[in-house]
Amino acid sequence: MTHTVDLFVYPDCQLLDASGPWQVFASANTLLGRPHYELRLTASEPGEVRTNGGMTLVATHALETTTPGGTLLVAGGHGVHELDDTVIRKLAERAASASRVGSICSGAFALARTGLLDGCCVTTHWRQAERLAREFPEIDVAADALYRNSGKLYTSAGVTAGMDLALALVATDHDHRLAGEVARELVMFLHRPGDQAQFSEGLRCQLASHGRLRALIDRVLNDPLAAWNSEDLAAAMAVTPRHFQRLFRQQLSMTPMEFLTRLRLESARRLLAESDAPLARIAEHCRIGGAEQLRRQFQRRYGLAPSAYRARFGRTLASPAPSPTSNREAS
């Protein structure tokens, strides 16, 4: 039995908000060897739709003529704020008959106008989160999440997070094995959990730092699991350890060791989700000490135990355990 996925687009929508999730479902079809997902590009009426990047899409279906059931996903983009009441009404009617309804990026504004998100915890692109919360106070906006699920409603952050949401839907429809195969096919990280932050710790620090410290941050991110310590990092910048500590706090509001610990915990979190390696081996690989130290730091940072995180987000198909002799890992 096929499952219909309607991707709703409109003038000045974000191209990747439509093409990214579309490709996830299309790749799932390829790997399954059968067309489980029937993909349909919909708009207020069939025809050409110019995206905000200038590329033109061709919608094959009008929103109000699509078959009930299946999944309805709404792309984001600047044009979402220009949708008229007639389109929103049609969207509400189609959403009411869908088995699942989701938004990518600022597509949440369209769903918010239908009233479907009232009382729900949702997310959107970090730049749009404050506006969404202000314009729709009855909605609980989780500004930092990759994607959120509330019943049949799904919302995701910007652009590539829509692909993470699509992977989550594939995993729900089939299993984590297929979602992982799709992620590898598309050269993605193996499905990021929905409550993962929109920004990695490394990206946060890249955005906040500048000058020589930014160059040093980039160097650390190229090899985050190397044997870095505060003294060596200070020497690399040719400053005293005391001045280095002060500079780090001024720009990043944390100590160098807090920064390194957060990077190492992010690596440990990925390995918990993507491998069946024992906790002690992950702790050693990520330079976090022993298993007990990893448990304490993980609980403090993420609010749950490593075992609980693995049970919730671990893969049914385990990846090879990390090598204890190699500490180089892509950031």
C-alpha atoms as a PDB file:
ATOM      1  CA  MET A   1       0.000   0.000   0.000  1.00  0.00           C
ATOM      2  CA  THR A   2       1.334   3.441  -0.931  1.00  0.00           C
ATOM      3  CA  HIS A   3       1.370   6.440   1.389  1.00  0.00           C
ATOM      4  CA  THR A   4       0.727   9.829  -0.194  1.00  0.00           C
ATOM      5  CA  VAL A   5       2.972  12.745   0.716  1.00  0.00           C
ATOM      6  CA  ASP A   6       1.722  16.167  -0.401  1.00  0.00           C
ATOM      7  CA  LEU A   7       4.346  18.906  -0.262  1.00  0.00           C
ATOM      8  CA  PHE A   8       2.686  22.315  -0.324  1.00  0.00           C
ATOM      9  CA  VAL A   9       4.625  25.134  -1.982  1.00  0.00           C
ATOM     10  CA  TYR A  10       3.823  28.745  -2.880  1.00  0.00           C
ATOM     11  CA  PRO A  11       5.568  31.739  -4.461  1.00  0.00           C
ATOM     12  CA  ASP A  12       8.767  32.747  -2.646  1.00  0.00           C
ATOM     13  CA  CYS A  13       8.994  29.491  -0.683  1.00  0.00           C
ATOM     14  CA  GLN A  14      12.354  27.983   0.260  1.00  0.00           C
ATOM     15  CA  LEU A  15      13.471  25.492  -2.392  1.00  0.00           C
ATOM     16  CA  LEU A  16      15.262  23.135  -0.008  1.00  0.00           C
ATOM     17  CA  ASP A  17      12.264  23.012   2.317  1.00  0.00           C
ATOM     18  CA  ALA A  18      10.483  21.145  -0.480  1.00  0.00           C
ATOM     19  CA  SER A  19      13.300  19.342  -2.291  1.00  0.00           C
ATOM     20  CA  GLY A  20      15.088  18.118   0.858  1.00  0.00           C
ATOM     21  CA  PRO A  21      12.202  16.145   2.423  1.00  0.00           C
ATOM     22  CA  TRP A  22      11.054  15.092  -1.068  1.00  0.00           C
ATOM     23  CA  GLN A  23      14.431  13.473  -1.726  1.00  0.00           C
ATOM     24  CA  VAL A  24      14.349  11.624   1.617  1.00  0.00           C
ATOM     25  CA  PHE A  25      11.062   9.964   0.689  1.00  0.00           C
ATOM     26  CA  ALA A  26      12.207   9.370  -2.899  1.00  0.00           C
ATOM     27  CA  SER A  27      15.399   7.705  -1.669  1.00  0.00           C
ATOM     28  CA  ALA A  28      13.345   5.540   0.681  1.00  0.00           C
ATOM     29  CA  ASN A  29      11.351   4.367  -2.340  1.00  0.00           C
ATOM     30  CA  THR A  30      14.575   3.514  -4.163  1.00  0.00           C
ATOM     31  CA  LEU A  31      16.008   1.559  -1.250  1.00  0.00           C
ATOM     32  CA  LEU A  32      12.721  -0.262  -0.683  1.00  0.00           C
ATOM     33  CA  GLY A  33      12.613  -1.223  -4.337  1.00  0.00           C
ATOM     34  CA  ARG A  34       8.992  -0.117  -4.571  1.00  0.00           C
ATOM     35  CA  PRO A  35       7.028   3.173  -4.550  1.00  0.00           C
ATOM     36  CA  HIS A  36       5.826   3.163  -0.951  1.00  0.00           C
ATOM     37  CA  TYR A  37       5.581   6.971  -0.984  1.00  0.00           C
ATOM     38  CA  GLU A  38       3.511   8.689  -3.663  1.00  0.00           C
ATOM     39  CA  LEU A  39       5.012  12.172  -3.820  1.00  0.00           C
ATOM     40  CA  ARG A  40       2.894  15.080  -5.026  1.00  0.00           C
ATOM     41  CA  LEU A  41       3.895  18.727  -5.267  1.00  0.00           C
ATOM     42  CA  THR A  42       0.840  20.839  -4.467  1.00  0.00           C
ATOM     43  CA  ALA A  43       0.044  24.532  -4.617  1.00  0.00           C
ATOM     44  CA  SER A  44      -3.023  26.728  -4.500  1.00  0.00           C
ATOM     45  CA  GLU A  45      -3.410  25.697  -8.149  1.00  0.00           C
ATOM     46  CA  PRO A  46      -1.304  23.532 -10.488  1.00  0.00           C
ATOM     47  CA  GLY A  47       1.459  25.219 -12.418  1.00  0.00           C
ATOM     48  CA  GLU A  48       4.764  27.008 -11.968  1.00  0.00           C
ATOM     49  CA  VAL A  49       5.851  28.222  -8.530  1.00  0.00           C
ATOM     50  CA  ARG A  50       8.930  30.451  -8.309  1.00  0.00           C
ATOM     51  CA  THR A  51      10.994  29.822  -5.175  1.00  0.00           C
ATOM     52  CA  ASN A  52      12.912  32.461  -3.233  1.00  0.00           C
ATOM     53  CA  GLY A  53      16.156  31.297  -4.859  1.00  0.00           C
ATOM     54  CA  GLY A  54      14.789  31.942  -8.337  1.00  0.00           C
ATOM     55  CA  MET A  55      14.336  28.303  -9.341  1.00  0.00           C
ATOM     56  CA  THR A  56      10.865  27.390 -10.569  1.00  0.00           C
ATOM     57  CA  LEU A  57       8.971  24.320  -9.380  1.00  0.00           C
ATOM     58  CA  VAL A  58       5.943  22.859 -11.145  1.00  0.00           C
ATOM     59  CA  ALA A  59       3.065  21.889  -8.867  1.00  0.00           C
ATOM     60  CA  THR A  60       1.049  18.979 -10.240  1.00  0.00           C
ATOM     61  CA  HIS A  61      -1.910  19.182  -7.856  1.00  0.00           C
ATOM     62  CA  ALA A  62      -4.156  21.859  -6.398  1.00  0.00           C
ATOM     63  CA  LEU A  63      -4.371  21.749  -2.611  1.00  0.00           C
ATOM     64  CA  GLU A  64      -8.133  21.311  -2.438  1.00  0.00           C
ATOM     65  CA  THR A  65      -8.189  18.478  -5.012  1.00  0.00           C
ATOM     66  CA  THR A  66      -5.751  16.153  -3.251  1.00  0.00           C
ATOM     67  CA  THR A  67      -6.955  12.873  -1.805  1.00  0.00           C
ATOM     68  CA  PRO A  68      -7.638  12.809   1.965  1.00  0.00           C
ATOM     69  CA  GLY A  69      -5.271  10.859   4.195  1.00  0.00           C
ATOM     70  CA  GLY A  70      -1.520  10.605   3.862  1.00  0.00           C
ATOM     71  CA  THR A  71       0.985  13.227   4.950  1.00  0.00           C
ATOM     72  CA  LEU A  72       0.762  16.962   4.265  1.00  0.00           C
ATOM     73  CA  LEU A  73       3.977  18.996   4.616  1.00  0.00           C
ATOM     74  CA  VAL A  74       4.147  22.777   4.267  1.00  0.00           C
ATOM     75  CA  ALA A  75       7.384  24.342   3.050  1.00  0.00           C
ATOM     76  CA  GLY A  76       8.736  27.502   4.627  1.00  0.00           C
ATOM     77  CA  GLY A  77      10.006  30.687   3.069  1.00  0.00           C
ATOM     78  CA  HIS A  78       9.353  34.410   3.049  1.00  0.00           C
ATOM     79  CA  GLY A  79       6.226  33.920   0.959  1.00  0.00           C
ATOM     80  CA  VAL A  80       4.441  32.171   3.836  1.00  0.00           C
ATOM     81  CA  HIS A  81       3.594  35.577   5.274  1.00  0.00           C
ATOM     82  CA  GLU A  82       1.882  36.569   2.017  1.00  0.00           C
ATOM     83  CA  LEU A  83      -0.560  33.647   1.843  1.00  0.00           C
ATOM     84  CA  ASP A  84      -4.126  34.961   1.720  1.00  0.00           C
ATOM     85  CA  ASP A  85      -7.022  33.771   3.856  1.00  0.00           C
ATOM     86  CA  THR A  86      -8.458  31.663   1.038  1.00  0.00           C
ATOM     87  CA  VAL A  87      -5.278  29.611   0.788  1.00  0.00           C
ATOM     88  CA  ILE A  88      -5.123  29.221   4.581  1.00  0.00           C
ATOM     89  CA  ARG A  89      -8.718  27.991   4.598  1.00  0.00           C
ATOM     90  CA  LYS A  90      -7.940  25.414   1.907  1.00  0.00           C
ATOM     91  CA  LEU A  91      -4.855  24.384   3.878  1.00  0.00           C
ATOM     92  CA  ALA A  92      -6.946  23.928   7.025  1.00  0.00           C
ATOM     93  CA  GLU A  93      -9.462  21.773   5.168  1.00  0.00           C
ATOM     94  CA  ARG A  94      -6.753  19.581   3.653  1.00  0.00           C
ATOM     95  CA  ALA A  95      -4.916  19.318   6.996  1.00  0.00           C
ATOM     96  CA  ALA A  96      -8.101  18.203   8.743  1.00  0.00           C
ATOM     97  CA  SER A  97      -8.323  15.180   6.448  1.00  0.00           C
ATOM     98  CA  ALA A  98      -4.616  14.250   6.555  1.00  0.00           C
ATOM     99  CA  SER A  99      -3.193  11.459   8.690  1.00  0.00           C
ATOM    100  CA  ARG A 100      -0.114  13.584   9.452  1.00  0.00           C
ATOM    101  CA  VAL A 101       0.521  17.287   9.048  1.00  0.00           C
ATOM    102  CA  GLY A 102       3.916  18.941   9.229  1.00  0.00           C
ATOM    103  CA  SER A 103       5.787  22.144   8.503  1.00  0.00           C
ATOM    104  CA  ILE A 104       9.365  22.883   7.573  1.00  0.00           C
ATOM    105  CA  CYS A 105      10.961  26.091   8.792  1.00  0.00           C
ATOM    106  CA  SER A 106       8.567  29.071   8.681  1.00  0.00           C
ATOM    107  CA  GLY A 107       5.846  26.889   7.205  1.00  0.00           C
ATOM    108  CA  ALA A 108       4.735  26.764  10.854  1.00  0.00           C
ATOM    109  CA  PHE A 109       3.197  30.220  10.358  1.00  0.00           C
ATOM    110  CA  ALA A 110       0.757  28.812   7.803  1.00  0.00           C
ATOM    111  CA  LEU A 111      -0.286  25.997  10.142  1.00  0.00           C
ATOM    112  CA  ALA A 112      -0.513  28.459  13.034  1.00  0.00           C
ATOM    113  CA  ARG A 113      -3.022  30.559  11.088  1.00  0.00           C
ATOM    114  CA  THR A 114      -5.235  27.485  10.679  1.00  0.00           C
ATOM    115  CA  GLY A 115      -5.405  27.088  14.477  1.00  0.00           C
ATOM    116  CA  LEU A 116      -4.004  23.556  14.304  1.00  0.00           C
ATOM    117  CA  LEU A 117      -0.994  24.407  16.450  1.00  0.00           C
ATOM    118  CA  ASP A 118      -2.919  25.961  19.341  1.00  0.00           C
ATOM    119  CA  GLY A 119      -1.799  24.448  22.633  1.00  0.00           C
ATOM    120  CA  CYS A 120       1.029  22.497  20.971  1.00  0.00           C
ATOM    121  CA  CYS A 121       4.783  22.662  21.492  1.00  0.00           C
ATOM    122  CA  VAL A 122       6.285  23.479  18.081  1.00  0.00           C
ATOM    123  CA  THR A 123       9.498  24.689  16.521  1.00  0.00           C
ATOM    124  CA  THR A 124      10.578  26.727  13.517  1.00  0.00           C
ATOM    125  CA  HIS A 125      13.707  28.380  12.142  1.00  0.00           C
ATOM    126  CA  TRP A 126      15.555  30.101  14.986  1.00  0.00           C
ATOM    127  CA  ARG A 127      15.261  33.489  13.256  1.00  0.00           C
ATOM    128  CA  GLN A 128      11.461  33.147  13.144  1.00  0.00           C
ATOM    129  CA  ALA A 129      10.863  31.668  16.615  1.00  0.00           C
ATOM    130  CA  GLU A 130      10.389  34.957  18.463  1.00  0.00           C
ATOM    131  CA  ARG A 131       7.963  36.242  15.829  1.00  0.00           C
ATOM    132  CA  LEU A 132       5.954  33.003  15.882  1.00  0.00           C
ATOM    133  CA  ALA A 133       5.647  33.149  19.682  1.00  0.00           C
ATOM    134  CA  ARG A 134       4.666  36.836  19.583  1.00  0.00           C
ATOM    135  CA  GLU A 135       2.041  36.520  16.842  1.00  0.00           C
ATOM    136  CA  PHE A 136       0.561  33.277  18.184  1.00  0.00           C
ATOM    137  CA  PRO A 137       0.808  33.381  22.003  1.00  0.00           C
ATOM    138  CA  GLU A 138      -1.395  30.293  22.317  1.00  0.00           C
ATOM    139  CA  ILE A 139       1.446  28.220  20.823  1.00  0.00           C
ATOM    140  CA  ASP A 140       4.398  26.954  22.881  1.00  0.00           C
ATOM    141  CA  VAL A 141       7.483  27.620  20.732  1.00  0.00           C
ATOM    142  CA  ALA A 142      10.606  25.512  21.381  1.00  0.00           C
ATOM    143  CA  ALA A 143      13.049  27.830  19.648  1.00  0.00           C
ATOM    144  CA  ASP A 144      16.072  25.535  19.806  1.00  0.00           C
ATOM    145  CA  ALA A 145      14.695  22.147  18.720  1.00  0.00           C
ATOM    146  CA  LEU A 146      15.282  20.492  15.353  1.00  0.00           C
ATOM    147  CA  TYR A 147      11.725  19.166  15.170  1.00  0.00           C
ATOM    148  CA  ARG A 148       8.734  18.534  17.404  1.00  0.00           C
ATOM    149  CA  ASN A 149       5.831  16.110  17.344  1.00  0.00           C
ATOM    150  CA  SER A 150       2.410  16.595  18.957  1.00  0.00           C
ATOM    151  CA  GLY A 151      -0.104  13.945  17.947  1.00  0.00           C
ATOM    152  CA  LYS A 152      -0.431  14.014  14.182  1.00  0.00           C
ATOM    153  CA  LEU A 153       1.302  17.414  13.997  1.00  0.00           C
ATOM    154  CA  TYR A 154       4.997  17.810  13.205  1.00  0.00           C
ATOM    155  CA  THR A 155       7.070  20.984  12.953  1.00  0.00           C
ATOM    156  CA  SER A 156      10.743  21.384  12.137  1.00  0.00           C
ATOM    157  CA  ALA A 157      13.453  24.016  12.101  1.00  0.00           C
ATOM    158  CA  GLY A 158      14.999  25.501   8.995  1.00  0.00           C
ATOM    159  CA  VAL A 159      15.994  23.864   5.723  1.00  0.00           C
ATOM    160  CA  THR A 160      18.039  20.708   6.475  1.00  0.00           C
ATOM    161  CA  ALA A 161      16.028  20.037   9.649  1.00  0.00           C
ATOM    162  CA  GLY A 162      13.151  19.247   7.303  1.00  0.00           C
ATOM    163  CA  MET A 163      15.210  16.299   6.093  1.00  0.00           C
ATOM    164  CA  ASP A 164      15.676  15.151   9.695  1.00  0.00           C
ATOM    165  CA  LEU A 165      11.909  15.335  10.126  1.00  0.00           C
ATOM    166  CA  ALA A 166      11.381  13.330   6.935  1.00  0.00           C
ATOM    167  CA  LEU A 167      13.850  10.720   8.196  1.00  0.00           C
ATOM    168  CA  ALA A 168      11.890  10.518  11.452  1.00  0.00           C
ATOM    169  CA  LEU A 169       8.698   9.882   9.480  1.00  0.00           C
ATOM    170  CA  VAL A 170      10.429   7.184   7.437  1.00  0.00           C
ATOM    171  CA  ALA A 171      11.641   5.574  10.671  1.00  0.00           C
ATOM    172  CA  THR A 172       8.075   5.670  12.034  1.00  0.00           C
ATOM    173  CA  ASP A 173       6.640   4.131   8.853  1.00  0.00           C
ATOM    174  CA  HIS A 174       9.334   1.472   8.569  1.00  0.00           C
ATOM    175  CA  ASP A 175      12.283   1.335  10.979  1.00  0.00           C
ATOM    176  CA  HIS A 176      15.513   3.070  11.937  1.00  0.00           C
ATOM    177  CA  ARG A 177      17.429   0.738   9.640  1.00  0.00           C
ATOM    178  CA  LEU A 178      15.793   2.199   6.535  1.00  0.00           C
ATOM    179  CA  ALA A 179      16.114   5.765   7.862  1.00  0.00           C
ATOM    180  CA  GLY A 180      19.814   5.118   8.442  1.00  0.00           C
ATOM    181  CA  GLU A 181      20.268   3.739   4.943  1.00  0.00           C
ATOM    182  CA  VAL A 182      18.572   6.821   3.486  1.00  0.00           C
ATOM    183  CA  ALA A 183      20.789   9.098   5.584  1.00  0.00           C
ATOM    184  CA  ARG A 184      23.919   7.339   4.369  1.00  0.00           C
ATOM    185  CA  GLU A 185      22.692   7.457   0.781  1.00  0.00           C
ATOM    186  CA  LEU A 186      22.280  11.229   1.088  1.00  0.00           C
ATOM    187  CA  VAL A 187      25.572  11.607   3.015  1.00  0.00           C
ATOM    188  CA  MET A 188      23.804  12.963   6.082  1.00  0.00           C
ATOM    189  CA  PHE A 189      24.477  12.468   9.764  1.00  0.00           C
ATOM    190  CA  LEU A 190      22.533   9.396  10.806  1.00  0.00           C
ATOM    191  CA  HIS A 191      19.224  11.048  11.708  1.00  0.00           C
ATOM    192  CA  ARG A 192      19.581  13.708  14.384  1.00  0.00           C
ATOM    193  CA  PRO A 193      17.067  13.419  17.239  1.00  0.00           C
ATOM    194  CA  GLY A 194      14.349  16.043  17.256  1.00  0.00           C
ATOM    195  CA  ASP A 195      15.314  17.585  20.585  1.00  0.00           C
ATOM    196  CA  GLN A 196      18.876  18.153  19.443  1.00  0.00           C
ATOM    197  CA  ALA A 197      19.735  21.844  19.274  1.00  0.00           C
ATOM    198  CA  GLN A 198      19.514  23.629  15.918  1.00  0.00           C
ATOM    199  CA  PHE A 199      23.109  24.756  16.450  1.00  0.00           C
ATOM    200  CA  SER A 200      25.965  22.452  17.388  1.00  0.00           C
ATOM    201  CA  GLU A 201      28.248  23.664  20.160  1.00  0.00           C
ATOM    202  CA  GLY A 202      30.968  24.196  17.592  1.00  0.00           C
ATOM    203  CA  LEU A 203      28.806  26.397  15.409  1.00  0.00           C
ATOM    204  CA  ARG A 204      27.679  28.439  18.419  1.00  0.00           C
ATOM    205  CA  CYS A 205      31.296  29.138  19.286  1.00  0.00           C
ATOM    206  CA  GLN A 206      32.226  29.940  15.694  1.00  0.00           C
ATOM    207  CA  LEU A 207      29.442  32.524  15.577  1.00  0.00           C
ATOM    208  CA  ALA A 208      30.412  34.078  18.918  1.00  0.00           C
ATOM    209  CA  SER A 209      34.203  34.214  18.497  1.00  0.00           C
ATOM    210  CA  HIS A 210      36.340  36.437  16.300  1.00  0.00           C
ATOM    211  CA  GLY A 211      39.938  37.243  15.459  1.00  0.00           C
ATOM    212  CA  ARG A 212      42.643  34.858  16.606  1.00  0.00           C
ATOM    213  CA  LEU A 213      40.253  33.043  18.932  1.00  0.00           C
ATOM    214  CA  ARG A 214      37.949  32.225  16.002  1.00  0.00           C
ATOM    215  CA  ALA A 215      40.931  30.778  14.120  1.00  0.00           C
ATOM    216  CA  LEU A 216      41.781  28.645  17.141  1.00  0.00           C
ATOM    217  CA  ILE A 217      38.161  27.468  17.490  1.00  0.00           C
ATOM    218  CA  ASP A 218      38.212  26.402  13.831  1.00  0.00           C
ATOM    219  CA  ARG A 219      41.408  24.461  14.475  1.00  0.00           C
ATOM    220  CA  VAL A 220      39.897  22.623  17.440  1.00  0.00           C
ATOM    221  CA  LEU A 221      36.720  21.815  15.489  1.00  0.00           C
ATOM    222  CA  ASN A 222      38.820  20.192  12.764  1.00  0.00           C
ATOM    223  CA  ASP A 223      39.980  17.631  15.362  1.00  0.00           C
ATOM    224  CA  PRO A 224      37.708  17.926  18.428  1.00  0.00           C
ATOM    225  CA  LEU A 225      38.852  14.701  20.085  1.00  0.00           C
ATOM    226  CA  ALA A 226      42.577  15.460  20.033  1.00  0.00           C
ATOM    227  CA  ALA A 227      44.410  15.836  23.351  1.00  0.00           C
ATOM    228  CA  TRP A 228      43.625  19.524  23.712  1.00  0.00           C
ATOM    229  CA  ASN A 229      44.100  21.316  27.031  1.00  0.00           C
ATOM    230  CA  SER A 230      43.849  24.925  28.128  1.00  0.00           C
ATOM    231  CA  GLU A 231      47.610  25.482  28.397  1.00  0.00           C
ATOM    232  CA  ASP A 232      48.332  24.188  24.898  1.00  0.00           C
ATOM    233  CA  LEU A 233      45.518  26.277  23.421  1.00  0.00           C
ATOM    234  CA  ALA A 234      46.879  29.401  25.129  1.00  0.00           C
ATOM    235  CA  ALA A 235      50.335  28.639  23.766  1.00  0.00           C
ATOM    236  CA  ALA A 236      48.882  28.231  20.265  1.00  0.00           C
ATOM    237  CA  MET A 237      47.567  31.790  20.530  1.00  0.00           C
ATOM    238  CA  ALA A 238      50.850  33.002  22.038  1.00  0.00           C
ATOM    239  CA  VAL A 239      49.121  34.430  25.127  1.00  0.00           C
ATOM    240  CA  THR A 240      49.362  33.622  28.805  1.00  0.00           C
ATOM    241  CA  PRO A 241      46.929  31.031  30.206  1.00  0.00           C
ATOM    242  CA  ARG A 242      45.357  33.728  32.384  1.00  0.00           C
ATOM    243  CA  HIS A 243      44.756  36.046  29.432  1.00  0.00           C
ATOM    244  CA  PHE A 244      43.461  33.125  27.375  1.00  0.00           C
ATOM    245  CA  GLN A 245      40.937  32.229  30.071  1.00  0.00           C
ATOM    246  CA  ARG A 246      39.769  35.844  30.241  1.00  0.00           C
ATOM    247  CA  LEU A 247      39.487  36.150  26.445  1.00  0.00           C
ATOM    248  CA  PHE A 248      37.518  32.908  26.240  1.00  0.00           C
ATOM    249  CA  ARG A 249      35.056  34.050  28.884  1.00  0.00           C
ATOM    250  CA  GLN A 250      34.625  37.455  27.234  1.00  0.00           C
ATOM    251  CA  GLN A 251      33.735  36.027  23.816  1.00  0.00           C
ATOM    252  CA  LEU A 252      32.157  32.669  24.639  1.00  0.00           C
ATOM    253  CA  SER A 253      30.910  33.010  28.246  1.00  0.00           C
ATOM    254  CA  MET A 254      32.573  29.745  29.280  1.00  0.00           C
ATOM    255  CA  THR A 255      35.998  28.380  30.124  1.00  0.00           C
ATOM    256  CA  PRO A 256      38.157  26.572  27.551  1.00  0.00           C
ATOM    257  CA  MET A 257      37.646  23.278  29.394  1.00  0.00           C
ATOM    258  CA  GLU A 258      33.862  23.763  29.385  1.00  0.00           C
ATOM    259  CA  PHE A 259      34.065  24.247  25.621  1.00  0.00           C
ATOM    260  CA  LEU A 260      36.145  21.084  25.150  1.00  0.00           C
ATOM    261  CA  THR A 261      33.842  19.095  27.425  1.00  0.00           C
ATOM    262  CA  ARG A 262      30.768  20.170  25.448  1.00  0.00           C
ATOM    263  CA  LEU A 263      32.396  19.150  22.155  1.00  0.00           C
ATOM    264  CA  ARG A 264      33.348  15.775  23.608  1.00  0.00           C
ATOM    265  CA  LEU A 265      29.872  15.208  24.999  1.00  0.00           C
ATOM    266  CA  GLU A 266      28.373  15.955  21.566  1.00  0.00           C
ATOM    267  CA  SER A 267      30.654  13.288  20.094  1.00  0.00           C
ATOM    268  CA  ALA A 268      29.648  10.851  22.838  1.00  0.00           C
ATOM    269  CA  ARG A 269      25.984  11.578  22.198  1.00  0.00           C
ATOM    270  CA  ARG A 270      26.360  10.747  18.501  1.00  0.00           C
ATOM    271  CA  LEU A 271      28.127   7.485  19.316  1.00  0.00           C
ATOM    272  CA  LEU A 272      25.413   6.506  21.790  1.00  0.00           C
ATOM    273  CA  ALA A 273      22.813   6.914  19.050  1.00  0.00           C
ATOM    274  CA  GLU A 274      24.816   5.405  16.209  1.00  0.00           C
ATOM    275  CA  SER A 275      26.740   2.510  17.772  1.00  0.00           C
ATOM    276  CA  ASP A 276      26.453  -0.232  20.364  1.00  0.00           C
ATOM    277  CA  ALA A 277      29.866   0.567  21.869  1.00  0.00           C
ATOM    278  CA  PRO A 278      30.092   0.145  25.675  1.00  0.00           C
ATOM    279  CA  LEU A 279      29.910   3.324  27.719  1.00  0.00           C
ATOM    280  CA  ALA A 280      33.481   2.952  28.985  1.00  0.00           C
ATOM    281  CA  ARG A 281      34.799   2.695  25.439  1.00  0.00           C
ATOM    282  CA  ILE A 282      32.873   5.762  24.322  1.00  0.00           C
ATOM    283  CA  ALA A 283      34.173   7.691  27.337  1.00  0.00           C
ATOM    284  CA  GLU A 284      37.752   6.723  26.482  1.00  0.00           C
ATOM    285  CA  HIS A 285      37.325   7.509  22.786  1.00  0.00           C
ATOM    286  CA  CYS A 286      35.844  10.942  23.544  1.00  0.00           C
ATOM    287  CA  ARG A 287      38.393  11.755  26.278  1.00  0.00           C
ATOM    288  CA  ILE A 288      35.787  12.055  29.018  1.00  0.00           C
ATOM    289  CA  GLY A 289      37.486   9.717  31.487  1.00  0.00           C
ATOM    290  CA  GLY A 290      35.573   6.628  32.561  1.00  0.00           C
ATOM    291  CA  ALA A 291      31.999   5.447  32.238  1.00  0.00           C
ATOM    292  CA  GLU A 292      30.902   6.972  35.547  1.00  0.00           C
ATOM    293  CA  GLN A 293      32.325  10.376  34.640  1.00  0.00           C
ATOM    294  CA  LEU A 294      30.519  10.224  31.296  1.00  0.00           C
ATOM    295  CA  ARG A 295      27.258   9.341  33.093  1.00  0.00           C
ATOM    296  CA  ARG A 296      27.540  12.320  35.448  1.00  0.00           C
ATOM    297  CA  GLN A 297      28.514  14.839  32.788  1.00  0.00           C
ATOM    298  CA  PHE A 298      25.930  13.568  30.295  1.00  0.00           C
ATOM    299  CA  GLN A 299      23.160  13.756  32.902  1.00  0.00           C
ATOM    300  CA  ARG A 300      24.204  17.268  33.880  1.00  0.00           C
ATOM    301  CA  ARG A 301      24.400  18.505  30.272  1.00  0.00           C
ATOM    302  CA  TYR A 302      21.380  16.805  28.675  1.00  0.00           C
ATOM    303  CA  GLY A 303      19.111  16.013  31.597  1.00  0.00           C
ATOM    304  CA  LEU A 304      19.010  12.242  31.135  1.00  0.00           C
ATOM    305  CA  ALA A 305      21.315   9.264  31.564  1.00  0.00           C
ATOM    306  CA  PRO A 306      23.326   7.904  28.603  1.00  0.00           C
ATOM    307  CA  SER A 307      21.415   4.628  28.822  1.00  0.00           C
ATOM    308  CA  ALA A 308      18.087   6.467  28.598  1.00  0.00           C
ATOM    309  CA  TYR A 309      19.342   8.493  25.638  1.00  0.00           C
ATOM    310  CA  ARG A 310      20.485   5.347  23.824  1.00  0.00           C
ATOM    311  CA  ALA A 311      17.195   3.582  24.549  1.00  0.00           C
ATOM    312  CA  ARG A 312      15.277   6.520  23.080  1.00  0.00           C
ATOM    313  CA  PHE A 313      17.454   7.404  20.095  1.00  0.00           C
ATOM    314  CA  GLY A 314      19.665   4.368  19.486  1.00  0.00           C
ATOM    315  CA  ARG A 315      19.584   2.568  16.174  1.00  0.00           C
ATOM    316  CA  THR A 316      18.257  -0.933  15.691  1.00  0.00           C
ATOM    317  CA  LEU A 317      21.173  -1.523  13.328  1.00  0.00           C
ATOM    318  CA  ALA A 318      24.291  -0.818  15.341  1.00  0.00           C
ATOM    319  CA  SER A 319      27.330   0.799  13.765  1.00  0.00           C
ATOM    320  CA  PRO A 320      30.866  -0.464  14.475  1.00  0.00           C
ATOM    321  CA  ALA A 321      32.244   0.544  17.832  1.00  0.00           C
ATOM    322  CA  PRO A 322      34.777   3.394  17.826  1.00  0.00           C
ATOM    323  CA  SER A 323      38.425   2.468  17.713  1.00  0.00           C
ATOM    324  CA  PRO A 324      40.148   3.141  21.049  1.00  0.00           C
ATOM    325  CA  THR A 325      43.359   4.003  19.187  1.00  0.00           C
ATOM    326  CA  SER A 326      41.915   6.771  17.030  1.00  0.00           C
ATOM    327  CA  ASN A 327      40.543   9.995  18.417  1.00  0.00           C
ATOM    328  CA  ARG A 328      40.074  11.902  15.186  1.00  0.00           C
ATOM    329  CA  GLU A 329      36.447  12.564  14.341  1.00  0.00           C
ATOM    330  CA  ALA A 330      34.832  15.062  11.966  1.00  0.00           C
ATOM    331  CA  SER A 331      33.196  17.968  13.704  1.00  0.00           C
END
